[in-house]
Amino acid sequence: MANRLKVALPYTFRFQTHPPRSRGAHPDLLETMVTMPEGVMTTRRVIEELVRQLPPGWQATALSAVFILYKEEVDAYPQATILARS
């Protein structure tokens, strides 16, 4: 799921890997089956729906040059927008 999203998005997308600094996605991202509603959705709506279906503790954050998806709860990113939390 994360790798497919990374390829499809027109901007940089980083996500938590396992083990850290590897290319393999975190097990939550590999094992979660995501079902998207029918119809056209904005990128933000896709991200919100995706994160809503992940196990608790995930956060999607838009930074100035990248979109990140990590298992964290951080409010202290300068100039960032928290898009969704699970």
PDB file of N, CA and C in Angstrom:
ATOM      1  N   MET A   1       0.827  -1.184   0.000  1.00  0.00           N
ATOM      2  CA  MET A   1       0.000   0.000   0.000  1.00  0.00           C
ATOM      3  C   MET A   1       0.874   1.250   0.000  1.00  0.00           C
ATOM      4  N   ALA A   2       1.825   1.349   0.904  1.00  0.00           N
ATOM      5  CA  ALA A   2       2.664   2.547   0.990  1.00  0.00           C
ATOM      6  C   ALA A   2       3.520   2.716  -0.263  1.00  0.00           C
ATOM      7  N   ASN A   3       4.073   1.620  -0.749  1.00  0.00           N
ATOM      8  CA  ASN A   3       4.906   1.717  -1.952  1.00  0.00           C
ATOM      9  C   ASN A   3       4.088   2.131  -3.163  1.00  0.00           C
ATOM     10  N   ARG A   4       2.852   1.636  -3.286  1.00  0.00           N
ATOM     11  CA  ARG A   4       1.979   2.016  -4.406  1.00  0.00           C
ATOM     12  C   ARG A   4       1.627   3.498  -4.329  1.00  0.00           C
ATOM     13  N   LEU A   5       1.341   3.971  -3.124  1.00  0.00           N
ATOM     14  CA  LEU A   5       1.021   5.381  -2.939  1.00  0.00           C
ATOM     15  C   LEU A   5       2.224   6.251  -3.266  1.00  0.00           C
ATOM     16  N   LYS A   6       3.407   5.811  -2.841  1.00  0.00           N
ATOM     17  CA  LYS A   6       4.637   6.569  -3.107  1.00  0.00           C
ATOM     18  C   LYS A   6       4.841   6.778  -4.609  1.00  0.00           C
ATOM     19  N   VAL A   7       4.575   5.744  -5.391  1.00  0.00           N
ATOM     20  CA  VAL A   7       4.742   5.828  -6.848  1.00  0.00           C
ATOM     21  C   VAL A   7       3.665   6.711  -7.473  1.00  0.00           C
ATOM     22  N   ALA A   8       2.451   6.673  -6.928  1.00  0.00           N
ATOM     23  CA  ALA A   8       1.321   7.381  -7.538  1.00  0.00           C
ATOM     24  C   ALA A   8       1.304   8.880  -7.240  1.00  0.00           C
ATOM     25  N   LEU A   9       1.869   9.287  -6.121  1.00  0.00           N
ATOM     26  CA  LEU A   9       1.790  10.701  -5.740  1.00  0.00           C
ATOM     27  C   LEU A   9       2.767  11.560  -6.537  1.00  0.00           C
ATOM     28  N   PRO A  10       2.371  12.795  -6.858  1.00  0.00           N
ATOM     29  CA  PRO A  10       3.247  13.676  -7.625  1.00  0.00           C
ATOM     30  C   PRO A  10       4.241  14.451  -6.755  1.00  0.00           C
ATOM     31  N   TYR A  11       4.398  14.043  -5.505  1.00  0.00           N
ATOM     32  CA  TYR A  11       5.352  14.703  -4.613  1.00  0.00           C
ATOM     33  C   TYR A  11       5.992  13.652  -3.728  1.00  0.00           C
ATOM     34  N   THR A  12       6.990  14.051  -2.965  1.00  0.00           N
ATOM     35  CA  THR A  12       7.744  13.113  -2.137  1.00  0.00           C
ATOM     36  C   THR A  12       6.893  12.594  -0.989  1.00  0.00           C
ATOM     37  N   PHE A  13       6.861  11.285  -0.834  1.00  0.00           N
ATOM     38  CA  PHE A  13       6.127  10.626   0.240  1.00  0.00           C
ATOM     39  C   PHE A  13       7.095   9.715   0.975  1.00  0.00           C
ATOM     40  N   ARG A  14       7.217   9.955   2.269  1.00  0.00           N
ATOM     41  CA  ARG A  14       8.072   9.118   3.107  1.00  0.00           C
ATOM     42  C   ARG A  14       7.200   8.431   4.143  1.00  0.00           C
ATOM     43  N   PHE A  15       7.552   7.195   4.466  1.00  0.00           N
ATOM     44  CA  PHE A  15       6.771   6.443   5.441  1.00  0.00           C
ATOM     45  C   PHE A  15       7.698   5.616   6.317  1.00  0.00           C
ATOM     46  N   GLN A  16       7.178   5.215   7.458  1.00  0.00           N
ATOM     47  CA  GLN A  16       7.964   4.445   8.414  1.00  0.00           C
ATOM     48  C   GLN A  16       8.292   3.075   7.830  1.00  0.00           C
ATOM     49  N   THR A  17       9.550   2.688   7.985  1.00  0.00           N
ATOM     50  CA  THR A  17      10.014   1.405   7.480  1.00  0.00           C
ATOM     51  C   THR A  17      10.326   0.467   8.639  1.00  0.00           C
ATOM     52  N   HIS A  18      10.551  -0.792   8.293  1.00  0.00           N
ATOM     53  CA  HIS A  18      10.913  -1.771   9.313  1.00  0.00           C
ATOM     54  C   HIS A  18      11.871  -2.765   8.689  1.00  0.00           C
ATOM     55  N   PRO A  19      13.056  -2.912   9.243  1.00  0.00           N
ATOM     56  CA  PRO A  19      13.611  -2.109  10.323  1.00  0.00           C
ATOM     57  C   PRO A  19      13.873  -0.677   9.861  1.00  0.00           C
ATOM     58  N   PRO A  20      14.116   0.215  10.822  1.00  0.00           N
ATOM     59  CA  PRO A  20      14.375   1.615  10.447  1.00  0.00           C
ATOM     60  C   PRO A  20      15.483   1.726   9.396  1.00  0.00           C
ATOM     61  N   ARG A  21      15.311   2.670   8.517  1.00  0.00           N
ATOM     62  CA  ARG A  21      16.258   2.978   7.427  1.00  0.00           C
ATOM     63  C   ARG A  21      16.348   1.877   6.375  1.00  0.00           C
ATOM     64  N   SER A  22      15.396   0.979   6.359  1.00  0.00           N
ATOM     65  CA  SER A  22      15.363  -0.035   5.311  1.00  0.00           C
ATOM     66  C   SER A  22      14.404   0.433   4.219  1.00  0.00           C
ATOM     67  N   ARG A  23      14.194  -0.365   3.215  1.00  0.00           N
ATOM     68  CA  ARG A  23      13.230  -0.031   2.163  1.00  0.00           C
ATOM     69  C   ARG A  23      11.887  -0.719   2.397  1.00  0.00           C
ATOM     70  N   GLY A  24      11.848  -1.606   3.382  1.00  0.00           N
ATOM     71  CA  GLY A  24      10.614  -2.332   3.663  1.00  0.00           C
ATOM     72  C   GLY A  24       9.670  -1.528   4.533  1.00  0.00           C
ATOM     73  N   ALA A  25       8.407  -1.491   4.140  1.00  0.00           N
ATOM     74  CA  ALA A  25       7.405  -0.741   4.903  1.00  0.00           C
ATOM     75  C   ALA A  25       7.155  -1.380   6.262  1.00  0.00           C
ATOM     76  N   HIS A  26       6.727  -0.568   7.214  1.00  0.00           N
ATOM     77  CA  HIS A  26       6.342  -1.036   8.546  1.00  0.00           C
ATOM     78  C   HIS A  26       5.257  -2.104   8.390  1.00  0.00           C
ATOM     79  N   PRO A  27       5.254  -3.139   9.235  1.00  0.00           N
ATOM     80  CA  PRO A  27       4.245  -4.202   9.128  1.00  0.00           C
ATOM     81  C   PRO A  27       2.797  -3.693   9.112  1.00  0.00           C
ATOM     82  N   ASP A  28       2.484  -2.641   9.863  1.00  0.00           N
ATOM     83  CA  ASP A  28       1.117  -2.090   9.839  1.00  0.00           C
ATOM     84  C   ASP A  28       0.722  -1.656   8.433  1.00  0.00           C
ATOM     85  N   LEU A  29       1.680  -1.099   7.700  1.00  0.00           N
ATOM     86  CA  LEU A  29       1.398  -0.618   6.347  1.00  0.00           C
ATOM     87  C   LEU A  29       1.279  -1.771   5.362  1.00  0.00           C
ATOM     88  N   LEU A  30       1.952  -2.866   5.647  1.00  0.00           N
ATOM     89  CA  LEU A  30       1.874  -4.036   4.771  1.00  0.00           C
ATOM     90  C   LEU A  30       0.627  -4.873   5.028  1.00  0.00           C
ATOM     91  N   GLU A  31       0.202  -4.945   6.279  1.00  0.00           N
ATOM     92  CA  GLU A  31      -0.863  -5.869   6.665  1.00  0.00           C
ATOM     93  C   GLU A  31      -2.260  -5.265   6.690  1.00  0.00           C
ATOM     94  N   THR A  32      -2.376  -3.954   6.679  1.00  0.00           N
ATOM     95  CA  THR A  32      -3.690  -3.319   6.752  1.00  0.00           C
ATOM     96  C   THR A  32      -4.357  -3.301   5.382  1.00  0.00           C
ATOM     97  N   MET A  33      -5.559  -3.869   5.332  1.00  0.00           N
ATOM     98  CA  MET A  33      -6.366  -3.818   4.116  1.00  0.00           C
ATOM     99  C   MET A  33      -7.160  -2.519   4.145  1.00  0.00           C
ATOM    100  N   VAL A  34      -6.991  -1.706   3.133  1.00  0.00           N
ATOM    101  CA  VAL A  34      -7.663  -0.415   3.065  1.00  0.00           C
ATOM    102  C   VAL A  34      -8.748  -0.477   1.993  1.00  0.00           C
ATOM    103  N   THR A  35      -9.930   0.004   2.345  1.00  0.00           N
ATOM    104  CA  THR A  35     -11.044   0.077   1.402  1.00  0.00           C
ATOM    105  C   THR A  35     -11.393   1.541   1.199  1.00  0.00           C
ATOM    106  N   MET A  36     -11.328   1.993  -0.033  1.00  0.00           N
ATOM    107  CA  MET A  36     -11.627   3.383  -0.351  1.00  0.00           C
ATOM    108  C   MET A  36     -13.062   3.506  -0.865  1.00  0.00           C
ATOM    109  N   PRO A  37     -13.736   4.603  -0.501  1.00  0.00           N
ATOM    110  CA  PRO A  37     -15.087   4.840  -1.017  1.00  0.00           C
ATOM    111  C   PRO A  37     -15.067   5.040  -2.531  1.00  0.00           C
ATOM    112  N   GLU A  38     -16.193   4.805  -3.146  1.00  0.00           N
ATOM    113  CA  GLU A  38     -16.335   5.021  -4.584  1.00  0.00           C
ATOM    114  C   GLU A  38     -16.256   6.512  -4.898  1.00  0.00           C
ATOM    115  N   GLY A  39     -15.869   6.827  -6.112  1.00  0.00           N
ATOM    116  CA  GLY A  39     -15.904   8.204  -6.575  1.00  0.00           C
ATOM    117  C   GLY A  39     -14.574   8.922  -6.479  1.00  0.00           C
ATOM    118  N   VAL A  40     -14.596  10.123  -6.993  1.00  0.00           N
ATOM    119  CA  VAL A  40     -13.403  10.972  -7.020  1.00  0.00           C
ATOM    120  C   VAL A  40     -13.159  11.552  -5.629  1.00  0.00           C
ATOM    121  N   MET A  41     -11.895  11.516  -5.215  1.00  0.00           N
ATOM    122  CA  MET A  41     -11.520  12.085  -3.910  1.00  0.00           C
ATOM    123  C   MET A  41     -10.274  12.941  -4.085  1.00  0.00           C
ATOM    124  N   THR A  42     -10.158  13.949  -3.241  1.00  0.00           N
ATOM    125  CA  THR A  42      -8.937  14.746  -3.218  1.00  0.00           C
ATOM    126  C   THR A  42      -7.828  13.913  -2.573  1.00  0.00           C
ATOM    127  N   THR A  43      -6.595  14.320  -2.794  1.00  0.00           N
ATOM    128  CA  THR A  43      -5.468  13.634  -2.160  1.00  0.00           C
ATOM    129  C   THR A  43      -5.612  13.677  -0.646  1.00  0.00           C
ATOM    130  N   ARG A  44      -6.025  14.817  -0.128  1.00  0.00           N
ATOM    131  CA  ARG A  44      -6.182  14.936   1.325  1.00  0.00           C
ATOM    132  C   ARG A  44      -7.224  13.947   1.842  1.00  0.00           C
ATOM    133  N   ARG A  45      -8.320  13.790   1.131  1.00  0.00           N
ATOM    134  CA  ARG A  45      -9.374  12.849   1.544  1.00  0.00           C
ATOM    135  C   ARG A  45      -8.859  11.404   1.500  1.00  0.00           C
ATOM    136  N   VAL A  46      -8.059  11.071   0.494  1.00  0.00           N
ATOM    137  CA  VAL A  46      -7.457   9.735   0.409  1.00  0.00           C
ATOM    138  C   VAL A  46      -6.565   9.486   1.613  1.00  0.00           C
ATOM    139  N   ILE A  47      -5.746  10.472   1.960  1.00  0.00           N
ATOM    140  CA  ILE A  47      -4.843  10.342   3.104  1.00  0.00           C
ATOM    141  C   ILE A  47      -5.638  10.178   4.396  1.00  0.00           C
ATOM    142  N   GLU A  48      -6.665  10.988   4.593  1.00  0.00           N
ATOM    143  CA  GLU A  48      -7.487  10.887   5.800  1.00  0.00           C
ATOM    144  C   GLU A  48      -8.144   9.515   5.906  1.00  0.00           C
ATOM    145  N   GLU A  49      -8.646   9.008   4.811  1.00  0.00           N
ATOM    146  CA  GLU A  49      -9.297   7.692   4.815  1.00  0.00           C
ATOM    147  C   GLU A  49      -8.287   6.586   5.087  1.00  0.00           C
ATOM    148  N   LEU A  50      -7.136   6.672   4.475  1.00  0.00           N
ATOM    149  CA  LEU A  50      -6.073   5.703   4.687  1.00  0.00           C
ATOM    150  C   LEU A  50      -5.671   5.645   6.153  1.00  0.00           C
ATOM    151  N   VAL A  51      -5.389   6.785   6.742  1.00  0.00           N
ATOM    152  CA  VAL A  51      -4.930   6.837   8.131  1.00  0.00           C
ATOM    153  C   VAL A  51      -6.029   6.377   9.083  1.00  0.00           C
ATOM    154  N   ARG A  52      -7.271   6.692   8.775  1.00  0.00           N
ATOM    155  CA  ARG A  52      -8.393   6.267   9.614  1.00  0.00           C
ATOM    156  C   ARG A  52      -8.442   4.742   9.734  1.00  0.00           C
ATOM    157  N   GLN A  53      -8.011   4.038   8.701  1.00  0.00           N
ATOM    158  CA  GLN A  53      -8.080   2.582   8.695  1.00  0.00           C
ATOM    159  C   GLN A  53      -6.821   1.897   9.236  1.00  0.00           C
ATOM    160  N   LEU A  54      -5.774   2.662   9.514  1.00  0.00           N
ATOM    161  CA  LEU A  54      -4.557   2.096  10.093  1.00  0.00           C
ATOM    162  C   LEU A  54      -4.747   1.856  11.593  1.00  0.00           C
ATOM    163  N   PRO A  55      -3.943   0.968  12.190  1.00  0.00           N
ATOM    164  CA  PRO A  55      -4.007   0.781  13.642  1.00  0.00           C
ATOM    165  C   PRO A  55      -3.708   2.092  14.359  1.00  0.00           C
ATOM    166  N   PRO A  56      -4.097   2.217  15.626  1.00  0.00           N
ATOM    167  CA  PRO A  56      -3.855   3.455  16.386  1.00  0.00           C
ATOM    168  C   PRO A  56      -2.375   3.845  16.415  1.00  0.00           C
ATOM    169  N   GLY A  57      -2.148   5.146  16.399  1.00  0.00           N
ATOM    170  CA  GLY A  57      -0.805   5.680  16.569  1.00  0.00           C
ATOM    171  C   GLY A  57      -0.165   6.255  15.323  1.00  0.00           C
ATOM    172  N   TRP A  58      -0.824   6.189  14.173  1.00  0.00           N
ATOM    173  CA  TRP A  58      -0.249   6.706  12.934  1.00  0.00           C
ATOM    174  C   TRP A  58      -0.616   8.167  12.733  1.00  0.00           C
ATOM    175  N   GLN A  59       0.311   8.898  12.130  1.00  0.00           N
ATOM    176  CA  GLN A  59       0.096  10.321  11.859  1.00  0.00           C
ATOM    177  C   GLN A  59       0.571  10.642  10.451  1.00  0.00           C
ATOM    178  N   ALA A  60      -0.256  11.340   9.695  1.00  0.00           N
ATOM    179  CA  ALA A  60       0.099  11.840   8.373  1.00  0.00           C
ATOM    180  C   ALA A  60       0.353  13.332   8.500  1.00  0.00           C
ATOM    181  N   THR A  61       1.508  13.767   8.027  1.00  0.00           N
ATOM    182  CA  THR A  61       1.914  15.160   8.166  1.00  0.00           C
ATOM    183  C   THR A  61       2.398  15.699   6.831  1.00  0.00           C
ATOM    184  N   ALA A  62       1.950  16.892   6.488  1.00  0.00           N
ATOM    185  CA  ALA A  62       2.428  17.578   5.286  1.00  0.00           C
ATOM    186  C   ALA A  62       3.461  18.612   5.723  1.00  0.00           C
ATOM    187  N   LEU A  63       4.679  18.419   5.276  1.00  0.00           N
ATOM    188  CA  LEU A  63       5.755  19.389   5.516  1.00  0.00           C
ATOM    189  C   LEU A  63       5.917  20.209   4.242  1.00  0.00           C
ATOM    190  N   SER A  64       6.810  21.168   4.254  1.00  0.00           N
ATOM    191  CA  SER A  64       6.928  22.064   3.101  1.00  0.00           C
ATOM    192  C   SER A  64       7.271  21.344   1.799  1.00  0.00           C
ATOM    193  N   ALA A  65       8.046  20.279   1.854  1.00  0.00           N
ATOM    194  CA  ALA A  65       8.466  19.623   0.618  1.00  0.00           C
ATOM    195  C   ALA A  65       8.070  18.147   0.536  1.00  0.00           C
ATOM    196  N   VAL A  66       7.517  17.597   1.607  1.00  0.00           N
ATOM    197  CA  VAL A  66       7.196  16.166   1.623  1.00  0.00           C
ATOM    198  C   VAL A  66       5.926  15.883   2.413  1.00  0.00           C
ATOM    199  N   PHE A  67       5.369  14.713   2.165  1.00  0.00           N
ATOM    200  CA  PHE A  67       4.262  14.180   2.947  1.00  0.00           C
ATOM    201  C   PHE A  67       4.832  12.967   3.672  1.00  0.00           C
ATOM    202  N   ILE A  68       4.631  12.876   4.996  1.00  0.00           N
ATOM    203  CA  ILE A  68       5.175  11.762   5.757  1.00  0.00           C
ATOM    204  C   ILE A  68       4.071  11.017   6.495  1.00  0.00           C
ATOM    205  N   LEU A  69       4.290   9.717   6.657  1.00  0.00           N
ATOM    206  CA  LEU A  69       3.366   8.855   7.374  1.00  0.00           C
ATOM    207  C   LEU A  69       4.189   8.017   8.338  1.00  0.00           C
ATOM    208  N   TYR A  70       4.095   8.353   9.627  1.00  0.00           N
ATOM    209  CA  TYR A  70       4.873   7.665  10.651  1.00  0.00           C
ATOM    210  C   TYR A  70       3.995   7.317  11.836  1.00  0.00           C
ATOM    211  N   LYS A  71       4.419   6.299  12.565  1.00  0.00           N
ATOM    212  CA  LYS A  71       3.749   5.917  13.798  1.00  0.00           C
ATOM    213  C   LYS A  71       4.310   6.842  14.874  1.00  0.00           C
ATOM    214  N   GLU A  72       3.595   7.934  15.110  1.00  0.00           N
ATOM    215  CA  GLU A  72       4.053   8.970  16.040  1.00  0.00           C
ATOM    216  C   GLU A  72       2.894   9.897  16.359  1.00  0.00           C
ATOM    217  N   GLU A  73       3.106  10.734  17.359  1.00  0.00           N
ATOM    218  CA  GLU A  73       2.174  11.824  17.654  1.00  0.00           C
ATOM    219  C   GLU A  73       3.032  13.035  17.983  1.00  0.00           C
ATOM    220  N   VAL A  74       3.349  13.786  16.946  1.00  0.00           N
ATOM    221  CA  VAL A  74       4.248  14.928  17.078  1.00  0.00           C
ATOM    222  C   VAL A  74       3.527  16.178  16.597  1.00  0.00           C
ATOM    223  N   ASP A  75       3.442  17.175  17.470  1.00  0.00           N
ATOM    224  CA  ASP A  75       2.820  18.450  17.108  1.00  0.00           C
ATOM    225  C   ASP A  75       3.856  19.524  16.827  1.00  0.00           C
ATOM    226  N   ALA A  76       5.122  19.227  17.037  1.00  0.00           N
ATOM    227  CA  ALA A  76       6.168  20.245  17.023  1.00  0.00           C
ATOM    228  C   ALA A  76       6.881  20.422  15.687  1.00  0.00           C
ATOM    229  N   TYR A  77       6.333  19.899  14.599  1.00  0.00           N
ATOM    230  CA  TYR A  77       6.963  20.133  13.298  1.00  0.00           C
ATOM    231  C   TYR A  77       6.769  21.597  12.917  1.00  0.00           C
ATOM    232  N   PRO A  78       7.872  22.321  12.648  1.00  0.00           N
ATOM    233  CA  PRO A  78       7.700  23.719  12.220  1.00  0.00           C
ATOM    234  C   PRO A  78       7.101  23.776  10.827  1.00  0.00           C
ATOM    235  N   GLN A  79       6.161  24.674  10.650  1.00  0.00           N
ATOM    236  CA  GLN A  79       5.516  24.921   9.355  1.00  0.00           C
ATOM    237  C   GLN A  79       4.958  23.643   8.721  1.00  0.00           C
ATOM    238  N   ALA A  80       4.282  22.849   9.517  1.00  0.00           N
ATOM    239  CA  ALA A  80       3.702  21.599   9.027  1.00  0.00           C
ATOM    240  C   ALA A  80       2.214  21.579   9.296  1.00  0.00           C
ATOM    241  N   THR A  81       1.507  20.735   8.583  1.00  0.00           N
ATOM    242  CA  THR A  81       0.088  20.537   8.793  1.00  0.00           C
ATOM    243  C   THR A  81      -0.148  19.072   9.104  1.00  0.00           C
ATOM    244  N   ILE A  82      -0.746  18.792  10.261  1.00  0.00           N
ATOM    245  CA  ILE A  82      -1.127  17.425  10.587  1.00  0.00           C
ATOM    246  C   ILE A  82      -2.395  17.137   9.782  1.00  0.00           C
ATOM    247  N   LEU A  83      -2.339  16.152   8.893  1.00  0.00           N
ATOM    248  CA  LEU A  83      -3.461  15.832   8.031  1.00  0.00           C
ATOM    249  C   LEU A  83      -4.434  14.854   8.670  1.00  0.00           C
ATOM    250  N   ALA A  84      -3.903  13.882   9.419  1.00  0.00           N
ATOM    251  CA  ALA A  84      -4.772  12.865  10.026  1.00  0.00           C
ATOM    252  C   ALA A  84      -3.981  12.069  11.054  1.00  0.00           C
ATOM    253  N   ARG A  85      -4.725  11.503  12.007  1.00  0.00           N
ATOM    254  CA  ARG A  85      -4.156  10.595  13.003  1.00  0.00           C
ATOM    255  C   ARG A  85      -5.089   9.421  13.177  1.00  0.00           C
ATOM    256  N   SER A  86      -4.487   8.247  13.427  1.00  0.00           N
ATOM    257  CA  SER A  86      -5.305   7.069  13.706  1.00  0.00           C
ATOM    258  C   SER A  86      -5.375   6.839  15.205  1.00  0.00           C
TER     259      SER A  86
END
